[in-house]
Amino acid sequence: ITATGLQAQAAIQAGTGQANNVRWHSGDTDFAWIDADNNLVPMDAPTVLAFARTANQHVRVHAIAARLIKNDILDGQEADIENDPRWPTQRNYGETDDQDP
């Protein structure tokens, strides 16, 4: 995802990654990402860049939460790993539960 986001950013900077141009990747087919239901989702470069940034934020906040929980465990504290309130929710890292894709 990160590499594709960088490609999208480069296309935007080069002027070939305009909104609604799904052939920004220099291919002869539309650029598409495969979603959780195995459907191809066409994406222009600005959408891919936003997707990559959101994915990066998702990984970052989960890694930080995991480290904090791990520190507690290493310090001998009991932990309910699955229900720890430090795990991020969509609401506390920039998204909403009712956000449309």
C-alpha atoms as a PDB file:
ATOM      1  CA  ILE A   1       0.000   0.000   0.000  1.00  0.00           C
ATOM      2  CA  THR A   2       2.811   2.396   0.895  1.00  0.00           C
ATOM      3  CA  ALA A   3       4.647   1.800  -2.384  1.00  0.00           C
ATOM      4  CA  THR A   4       1.467   2.315  -4.387  1.00  0.00           C
ATOM      5  CA  GLY A   5       0.778   5.502  -2.440  1.00  0.00           C
ATOM      6  CA  LEU A   6       4.239   6.751  -3.386  1.00  0.00           C
ATOM      7  CA  GLN A   7       3.555   5.935  -7.029  1.00  0.00           C
ATOM      8  CA  ALA A   8       0.278   7.844  -6.812  1.00  0.00           C
ATOM      9  CA  GLN A   9       2.007  10.821  -5.237  1.00  0.00           C
ATOM     10  CA  ALA A  10       4.626  10.817  -7.995  1.00  0.00           C
ATOM     11  CA  ALA A  11       1.894  10.681 -10.643  1.00  0.00           C
ATOM     12  CA  ILE A  12       0.104  13.613  -9.012  1.00  0.00           C
ATOM     13  CA  GLN A  13       3.329  15.616  -8.921  1.00  0.00           C
ATOM     14  CA  ALA A  14       4.054  14.736 -12.556  1.00  0.00           C
ATOM     15  CA  GLY A  15       0.593  15.897 -13.600  1.00  0.00           C
ATOM     16  CA  THR A  16      -0.621  12.483 -14.740  1.00  0.00           C
ATOM     17  CA  GLY A  17      -2.464  11.620 -11.552  1.00  0.00           C
ATOM     18  CA  GLN A  18      -5.513  13.840 -11.860  1.00  0.00           C
ATOM     19  CA  ALA A  19      -8.813  13.079 -10.167  1.00  0.00           C
ATOM     20  CA  ASN A  20     -10.974  10.616 -12.124  1.00  0.00           C
ATOM     21  CA  ASN A  21      -8.004   9.368 -14.189  1.00  0.00           C
ATOM     22  CA  VAL A  22      -7.828   5.693 -13.254  1.00  0.00           C
ATOM     23  CA  ARG A  23      -5.065   5.054 -15.802  1.00  0.00           C
ATOM     24  CA  TRP A  24      -2.589   7.221 -13.900  1.00  0.00           C
ATOM     25  CA  HIS A  25      -0.230   4.273 -13.326  1.00  0.00           C
ATOM     26  CA  SER A  26       0.994   4.288 -16.947  1.00  0.00           C
ATOM     27  CA  GLY A  27      -0.862   1.111 -17.695  1.00  0.00           C
ATOM     28  CA  ASP A  28      -3.311   0.403 -20.478  1.00  0.00           C
ATOM     29  CA  THR A  29      -5.931  -0.711 -17.963  1.00  0.00           C
ATOM     30  CA  ASP A  30      -7.669   1.042 -15.098  1.00  0.00           C
ATOM     31  CA  PHE A  31      -5.855   0.956 -11.777  1.00  0.00           C
ATOM     32  CA  ALA A  32      -7.904  -1.011  -9.249  1.00  0.00           C
ATOM     33  CA  TRP A  33      -7.452  -2.336  -5.733  1.00  0.00           C
ATOM     34  CA  ILE A  34      -9.019  -5.599  -4.583  1.00  0.00           C
ATOM     35  CA  ASP A  35     -11.369  -5.072  -1.648  1.00  0.00           C
ATOM     36  CA  ALA A  36     -12.248  -7.480   1.172  1.00  0.00           C
ATOM     37  CA  ASP A  37     -14.960  -9.072  -0.972  1.00  0.00           C
ATOM     38  CA  ASN A  38     -12.517  -9.624  -3.865  1.00  0.00           C
ATOM     39  CA  ASN A  39     -14.088  -6.888  -5.979  1.00  0.00           C
ATOM     40  CA  LEU A  40     -11.891  -4.649  -8.097  1.00  0.00           C
ATOM     41  CA  VAL A  41     -12.272  -1.027  -6.994  1.00  0.00           C
ATOM     42  CA  PRO A  42     -11.013   1.477  -9.581  1.00  0.00           C
ATOM     43  CA  MET A  43      -8.987   4.260  -7.965  1.00  0.00           C
ATOM     44  CA  ASP A  44      -7.504   7.469  -9.252  1.00  0.00           C
ATOM     45  CA  ALA A  45      -4.186   8.682  -7.868  1.00  0.00           C
ATOM     46  CA  PRO A  46      -5.652  11.065  -5.243  1.00  0.00           C
ATOM     47  CA  THR A  47      -7.823   8.234  -3.912  1.00  0.00           C
ATOM     48  CA  VAL A  48      -4.858   5.851  -3.754  1.00  0.00           C
ATOM     49  CA  LEU A  49      -2.790   8.467  -1.935  1.00  0.00           C
ATOM     50  CA  ALA A  50      -5.565   9.010   0.630  1.00  0.00           C
ATOM     51  CA  PHE A  51      -5.941   5.232   1.002  1.00  0.00           C
ATOM     52  CA  ALA A  52      -2.202   4.814   1.630  1.00  0.00           C
ATOM     53  CA  ARG A  53      -2.161   7.618   4.192  1.00  0.00           C
ATOM     54  CA  THR A  54      -5.136   6.126   6.028  1.00  0.00           C
ATOM     55  CA  ALA A  55      -3.546   2.669   6.022  1.00  0.00           C
ATOM     56  CA  ASN A  56      -0.307   4.130   7.367  1.00  0.00           C
ATOM     57  CA  GLN A  57      -2.168   5.873  10.183  1.00  0.00           C
ATOM     58  CA  HIS A  58      -4.014   2.628  10.981  1.00  0.00           C
ATOM     59  CA  VAL A  59      -0.756   0.686  11.302  1.00  0.00           C
ATOM     60  CA  ARG A  60       0.945   3.453  13.286  1.00  0.00           C
ATOM     61  CA  VAL A  61      -1.723   3.796  15.980  1.00  0.00           C
ATOM     62  CA  HIS A  62      -2.086   0.023  16.359  1.00  0.00           C
ATOM     63  CA  ALA A  63       1.691  -0.420  16.715  1.00  0.00           C
ATOM     64  CA  ILE A  64       1.818   2.260  19.410  1.00  0.00           C
ATOM     65  CA  ALA A  65      -1.080   0.705  21.323  1.00  0.00           C
ATOM     66  CA  ALA A  66       0.516  -2.736  21.078  1.00  0.00           C
ATOM     67  CA  ARG A  67       3.800  -1.384  22.428  1.00  0.00           C
ATOM     68  CA  LEU A  68       2.080   0.254  25.409  1.00  0.00           C
ATOM     69  CA  ILE A  69       0.211  -2.954  26.226  1.00  0.00           C
ATOM     70  CA  LYS A  70       3.389  -4.996  25.833  1.00  0.00           C
ATOM     71  CA  ASN A  71       5.249  -2.648  28.188  1.00  0.00           C
ATOM     72  CA  ASP A  72       2.601  -3.254  30.851  1.00  0.00           C
ATOM     73  CA  ILE A  73       2.914  -7.023  30.419  1.00  0.00           C
ATOM     74  CA  LEU A  74       6.706  -6.825  30.625  1.00  0.00           C
ATOM     75  CA  ASP A  75       6.308  -4.789  33.834  1.00  0.00           C
ATOM     76  CA  GLY A  76       4.313  -7.673  35.321  1.00  0.00           C
ATOM     77  CA  GLN A  77       0.876  -6.119  35.017  1.00  0.00           C
ATOM     78  CA  GLU A  78      -2.086  -8.237  34.033  1.00  0.00           C
ATOM     79  CA  ALA A  79      -3.534  -7.361  30.674  1.00  0.00           C
ATOM     80  CA  ASP A  80      -6.793  -8.033  28.910  1.00  0.00           C
ATOM     81  CA  ILE A  81      -5.204  -7.745  25.498  1.00  0.00           C
ATOM     82  CA  GLU A  82      -8.418  -8.048  23.486  1.00  0.00           C
ATOM     83  CA  ASN A  83     -10.365  -5.478  25.486  1.00  0.00           C
ATOM     84  CA  ASP A  84      -7.667  -2.976  26.382  1.00  0.00           C
ATOM     85  CA  PRO A  85      -9.082   0.530  25.912  1.00  0.00           C
ATOM     86  CA  ARG A  86      -5.828   1.707  24.344  1.00  0.00           C
ATOM     87  CA  TRP A  87      -6.601  -0.200  21.161  1.00  0.00           C
ATOM     88  CA  PRO A  88      -7.644   2.395  18.628  1.00  0.00           C
ATOM     89  CA  THR A  89     -11.128   2.612  17.284  1.00  0.00           C
ATOM     90  CA  GLN A  90     -12.065   4.292  14.040  1.00  0.00           C
ATOM     91  CA  ARG A  91     -13.206   7.309  16.025  1.00  0.00           C
ATOM     92  CA  ASN A  92      -9.900   7.933  17.785  1.00  0.00           C
ATOM     93  CA  TYR A  93      -7.636   7.820  14.769  1.00  0.00           C
ATOM     94  CA  GLY A  94      -9.438  10.012  12.306  1.00  0.00           C
ATOM     95  CA  GLU A  95     -12.282   8.030  10.817  1.00  0.00           C
ATOM     96  CA  THR A  96     -15.922   7.566  11.727  1.00  0.00           C
ATOM     97  CA  ASP A  97     -17.971   4.382  11.894  1.00  0.00           C
ATOM     98  CA  ASP A  98     -20.475   5.726   9.391  1.00  0.00           C
ATOM     99  CA  GLN A  99     -18.002   7.017   6.830  1.00  0.00           C
ATOM    100  CA  ASP A 100     -18.751   6.030   3.247  1.00  0.00           C
ATOM    101  CA  PRO A 101     -15.857   4.535   1.277  1.00  0.00           C
END
